[in-house]
Amino acid sequence: MSNSIVLPQVWGSADGGDFDIFDALTAMEGCLTIPQLAAMLGVSKNGLYEMAKIGTLPSLHIGTSIRLNPRAVIKWLRDRTRATSKQFH
């Protein structure tokens, strides 16, 4: 088993445009791992693991493994984006 992170096919765009995390997550099939999400967001894996542990990040715990539903992550990101943007208005 490889330790490399496999990102969705839509990582980046064919025309060199900006990466859209919502498009990437929507295109994903199956579950997402913490390292994959951390790479997509450019954040610490440890921070995401902690958020999953305390229930802030919606996650499925299977033994010692943590998996994320891409649709739940989209909702989580949108909810957090709305809450943050309201603070600045």
N, C-alpha and C. Protein backbone atom coordinates (compact mmCIF):
# COMPACT_ATOMS: atom_id res chain seq x y z
N MET A 1 0.84 -1.18 0.00
CA MET A 1 0.00 0.00 0.00
C MET A 1 0.89 1.24 0.00
N SER A 2 0.55 2.19 -0.84
CA SER A 2 1.32 3.42 -1.00
C SER A 2 0.86 4.48 -0.01
N ASN A 3 1.79 5.32 0.43
CA ASN A 3 1.45 6.42 1.32
C ASN A 3 1.14 7.70 0.55
N SER A 4 1.18 7.64 -0.78
CA SER A 4 0.93 8.85 -1.55
C SER A 4 -0.54 9.23 -1.49
N ILE A 5 -0.77 10.51 -1.59
CA ILE A 5 -2.14 11.03 -1.55
C ILE A 5 -2.64 11.13 -2.97
N VAL A 6 -3.77 10.50 -3.24
CA VAL A 6 -4.36 10.56 -4.56
C VAL A 6 -5.47 11.60 -4.53
N LEU A 7 -5.30 12.65 -5.30
CA LEU A 7 -6.29 13.71 -5.34
C LEU A 7 -7.22 13.51 -6.53
N PRO A 8 -8.41 14.07 -6.47
CA PRO A 8 -9.36 13.89 -7.56
C PRO A 8 -8.81 14.36 -8.90
N GLN A 9 -9.37 13.84 -9.97
CA GLN A 9 -8.94 14.22 -11.32
C GLN A 9 -9.10 15.72 -11.56
N VAL A 10 -10.02 16.38 -10.86
CA VAL A 10 -10.26 17.79 -11.11
C VAL A 10 -9.33 18.70 -10.31
N TRP A 11 -8.29 18.14 -9.70
CA TRP A 11 -7.30 18.96 -9.00
C TRP A 11 -6.64 19.86 -10.03
N GLY A 12 -6.88 21.14 -9.96
CA GLY A 12 -6.46 22.05 -11.01
C GLY A 12 -7.46 21.95 -12.15
N SER A 13 -7.24 22.70 -13.17
CA SER A 13 -8.15 22.59 -14.30
C SER A 13 -7.35 22.52 -15.59
N ALA A 14 -7.96 21.96 -16.59
CA ALA A 14 -7.28 21.77 -17.87
C ALA A 14 -6.85 23.10 -18.48
N ASP A 15 -7.61 24.16 -18.22
CA ASP A 15 -7.28 25.45 -18.81
C ASP A 15 -6.34 26.29 -17.92
N GLY A 16 -5.83 25.66 -16.84
CA GLY A 16 -4.91 26.37 -15.96
C GLY A 16 -5.61 27.30 -14.99
N GLY A 17 -6.94 27.21 -14.90
CA GLY A 17 -7.70 28.07 -14.00
C GLY A 17 -7.52 27.67 -12.55
N ASP A 18 -8.22 28.38 -11.69
CA ASP A 18 -8.13 28.13 -10.26
C ASP A 18 -8.75 26.79 -9.89
N PHE A 19 -8.23 26.22 -8.83
CA PHE A 19 -8.77 24.99 -8.25
C PHE A 19 -10.05 25.33 -7.49
N ASP A 20 -11.09 24.57 -7.69
CA ASP A 20 -12.34 24.76 -6.97
C ASP A 20 -12.58 23.52 -6.10
N ILE A 21 -12.43 23.68 -4.80
CA ILE A 21 -12.56 22.54 -3.90
C ILE A 21 -13.95 21.92 -3.94
N PHE A 22 -14.98 22.74 -4.17
CA PHE A 22 -16.33 22.20 -4.23
C PHE A 22 -16.50 21.31 -5.46
N ASP A 23 -15.92 21.70 -6.58
CA ASP A 23 -15.95 20.84 -7.78
C ASP A 23 -15.19 19.55 -7.52
N ALA A 24 -14.03 19.67 -6.89
CA ALA A 24 -13.21 18.49 -6.62
C ALA A 24 -13.94 17.51 -5.72
N LEU A 25 -14.56 18.02 -4.66
CA LEU A 25 -15.27 17.14 -3.73
C LEU A 25 -16.51 16.52 -4.38
N THR A 26 -17.20 17.30 -5.20
CA THR A 26 -18.39 16.79 -5.88
C THR A 26 -18.02 15.66 -6.83
N ALA A 27 -16.86 15.74 -7.46
CA ALA A 27 -16.43 14.73 -8.43
C ALA A 27 -15.91 13.46 -7.77
N MET A 28 -15.64 13.51 -6.48
CA MET A 28 -15.07 12.35 -5.79
C MET A 28 -16.07 11.22 -5.66
N GLU A 29 -15.57 10.02 -5.79
CA GLU A 29 -16.35 8.82 -5.53
C GLU A 29 -15.75 8.15 -4.31
N GLY A 30 -16.59 7.64 -3.45
CA GLY A 30 -16.09 6.98 -2.25
C GLY A 30 -15.76 7.97 -1.16
N CYS A 31 -15.00 7.50 -0.21
CA CYS A 31 -14.66 8.31 0.96
C CYS A 31 -13.37 9.10 0.75
N LEU A 32 -13.22 10.10 1.57
CA LEU A 32 -12.06 10.98 1.56
C LEU A 32 -11.30 10.75 2.86
N THR A 33 -9.99 10.86 2.82
CA THR A 33 -9.19 10.72 4.03
C THR A 33 -8.78 12.10 4.55
N ILE A 34 -8.36 12.14 5.79
CA ILE A 34 -7.88 13.39 6.39
C ILE A 34 -6.68 13.94 5.60
N PRO A 35 -5.67 13.11 5.26
CA PRO A 35 -4.55 13.65 4.48
C PRO A 35 -4.97 14.24 3.13
N GLN A 36 -5.95 13.63 2.47
CA GLN A 36 -6.44 14.17 1.20
C GLN A 36 -7.08 15.54 1.42
N LEU A 37 -7.95 15.65 2.42
CA LEU A 37 -8.61 16.93 2.67
C LEU A 37 -7.60 17.99 3.10
N ALA A 38 -6.63 17.61 3.92
CA ALA A 38 -5.60 18.55 4.36
C ALA A 38 -4.83 19.09 3.16
N ALA A 39 -4.50 18.22 2.20
CA ALA A 39 -3.78 18.65 1.00
C ALA A 39 -4.63 19.60 0.16
N MET A 40 -5.92 19.30 0.06
CA MET A 40 -6.81 20.14 -0.74
C MET A 40 -6.99 21.52 -0.12
N LEU A 41 -7.07 21.55 1.21
CA LEU A 41 -7.29 22.82 1.91
C LEU A 41 -6.00 23.55 2.24
N GLY A 42 -4.87 22.84 2.16
CA GLY A 42 -3.59 23.45 2.52
C GLY A 42 -3.48 23.71 4.02
N VAL A 43 -4.03 22.77 4.81
CA VAL A 43 -4.00 22.91 6.27
C VAL A 43 -3.35 21.69 6.91
N SER A 44 -3.16 21.77 8.20
CA SER A 44 -2.53 20.70 8.97
C SER A 44 -3.42 19.47 9.08
N LYS A 45 -2.82 18.30 8.86
CA LYS A 45 -3.55 17.05 9.08
C LYS A 45 -3.92 16.93 10.55
N ASN A 46 -3.00 17.33 11.44
CA ASN A 46 -3.25 17.20 12.87
C ASN A 46 -4.47 18.01 13.30
N GLY A 47 -4.63 19.20 12.75
CA GLY A 47 -5.79 20.02 13.08
C GLY A 47 -7.08 19.35 12.65
N LEU A 48 -7.07 18.76 11.46
CA LEU A 48 -8.28 18.07 10.96
C LEU A 48 -8.56 16.82 11.78
N TYR A 49 -7.50 16.07 12.16
CA TYR A 49 -7.71 14.90 13.00
C TYR A 49 -8.34 15.30 14.33
N GLU A 50 -7.88 16.40 14.91
CA GLU A 50 -8.44 16.88 16.17
C GLU A 50 -9.91 17.28 16.00
N MET A 51 -10.21 17.98 14.90
CA MET A 51 -11.60 18.38 14.64
C MET A 51 -12.51 17.15 14.46
N ALA A 52 -12.00 16.12 13.81
CA ALA A 52 -12.77 14.88 13.64
C ALA A 52 -12.97 14.20 15.00
N LYS A 53 -11.93 14.23 15.81
CA LYS A 53 -11.98 13.58 17.13
C LYS A 53 -13.04 14.22 18.03
N ILE A 54 -13.13 15.55 18.01
CA ILE A 54 -14.08 16.22 18.90
C ILE A 54 -15.46 16.42 18.27
N GLY A 55 -15.60 16.04 16.99
CA GLY A 55 -16.89 16.09 16.33
C GLY A 55 -17.18 17.37 15.56
N THR A 56 -16.21 18.26 15.46
CA THR A 56 -16.40 19.48 14.69
C THR A 56 -16.43 19.20 13.19
N LEU A 57 -15.63 18.27 12.75
CA LEU A 57 -15.58 17.85 11.35
C LEU A 57 -16.37 16.55 11.21
N PRO A 58 -17.41 16.52 10.38
CA PRO A 58 -18.20 15.29 10.26
C PRO A 58 -17.34 14.16 9.70
N SER A 59 -17.31 13.05 10.43
CA SER A 59 -16.42 11.96 10.04
C SER A 59 -16.98 10.62 10.49
N LEU A 60 -16.47 9.58 9.86
CA LEU A 60 -16.82 8.21 10.20
C LEU A 60 -15.57 7.54 10.75
N HIS A 61 -15.66 7.03 11.96
CA HIS A 61 -14.53 6.38 12.59
C HIS A 61 -14.73 4.87 12.50
N ILE A 62 -13.77 4.20 11.86
CA ILE A 62 -13.81 2.75 11.69
C ILE A 62 -12.53 2.22 12.31
N GLY A 63 -12.63 1.71 13.53
CA GLY A 63 -11.42 1.31 14.25
C GLY A 63 -10.56 2.54 14.46
N THR A 64 -9.32 2.48 13.97
CA THR A 64 -8.43 3.63 14.09
C THR A 64 -8.43 4.49 12.83
N SER A 65 -9.23 4.10 11.84
CA SER A 65 -9.29 4.86 10.58
C SER A 65 -10.41 5.90 10.64
N ILE A 66 -10.19 7.01 9.97
CA ILE A 66 -11.20 8.06 9.86
C ILE A 66 -11.46 8.29 8.38
N ARG A 67 -12.73 8.29 8.01
CA ARG A 67 -13.11 8.56 6.63
C ARG A 67 -14.13 9.69 6.62
N LEU A 68 -14.12 10.44 5.53
CA LEU A 68 -15.00 11.60 5.38
C LEU A 68 -15.87 11.41 4.15
N ASN A 69 -17.14 11.76 4.29
CA ASN A 69 -18.06 11.75 3.17
C ASN A 69 -17.87 13.08 2.43
N PRO A 70 -17.48 13.07 1.16
CA PRO A 70 -17.26 14.33 0.45
C PRO A 70 -18.46 15.27 0.49
N ARG A 71 -19.69 14.73 0.43
CA ARG A 71 -20.88 15.59 0.47
C ARG A 71 -21.02 16.27 1.83
N ALA A 72 -20.70 15.54 2.91
CA ALA A 72 -20.75 16.12 4.26
C ALA A 72 -19.67 17.19 4.42
N VAL A 73 -18.51 16.97 3.79
CA VAL A 73 -17.44 17.96 3.86
C VAL A 73 -17.84 19.23 3.11
N ILE A 74 -18.51 19.08 1.97
CA ILE A 74 -19.00 20.25 1.23
C ILE A 74 -19.93 21.07 2.11
N LYS A 75 -20.89 20.41 2.76
CA LYS A 75 -21.83 21.11 3.63
C LYS A 75 -21.08 21.80 4.78
N TRP A 76 -20.14 21.07 5.38
CA TRP A 76 -19.34 21.61 6.49
C TRP A 76 -18.58 22.86 6.04
N LEU A 77 -17.94 22.79 4.88
CA LEU A 77 -17.19 23.94 4.37
C LEU A 77 -18.11 25.12 4.08
N ARG A 78 -19.25 24.85 3.44
CA ARG A 78 -20.18 25.93 3.13
C ARG A 78 -20.73 26.57 4.40
N ASP A 79 -21.07 25.76 5.39
CA ASP A 79 -21.56 26.30 6.66
C ASP A 79 -20.49 27.17 7.32
N ARG A 80 -19.26 26.72 7.30
CA ARG A 80 -18.16 27.49 7.92
C ARG A 80 -17.89 28.77 7.13
N THR A 81 -18.01 28.70 5.81
CA THR A 81 -17.77 29.87 4.96
C THR A 81 -18.84 30.92 5.22
N ARG A 82 -20.09 30.50 5.33
CA ARG A 82 -21.18 31.44 5.63
C ARG A 82 -21.00 32.08 6.99
N ALA A 83 -20.63 31.27 7.99
CA ALA A 83 -20.46 31.80 9.34
C ALA A 83 -19.31 32.80 9.39
N THR A 84 -18.23 32.53 8.68
CA THR A 84 -17.09 33.43 8.66
C THR A 84 -17.41 34.71 7.92
N SER A 85 -18.09 34.60 6.78
CA SER A 85 -18.39 35.80 5.99
C SER A 85 -19.36 36.73 6.73
N LYS A 86 -20.24 36.17 7.56
CA LYS A 86 -21.17 37.00 8.34
C LYS A 86 -20.43 37.85 9.36
N GLN A 87 -19.29 37.38 9.84
CA GLN A 87 -18.51 38.12 10.84
C GLN A 87 -17.94 39.40 10.25
N PHE A 88 -17.75 39.45 8.94
CA PHE A 88 -17.10 40.59 8.31
C PHE A 88 -18.10 41.56 7.69
N HIS A 89 -19.38 41.34 7.83
CA HIS A 89 -20.40 42.24 7.28
C HIS A 89 -21.00 43.09 8.36
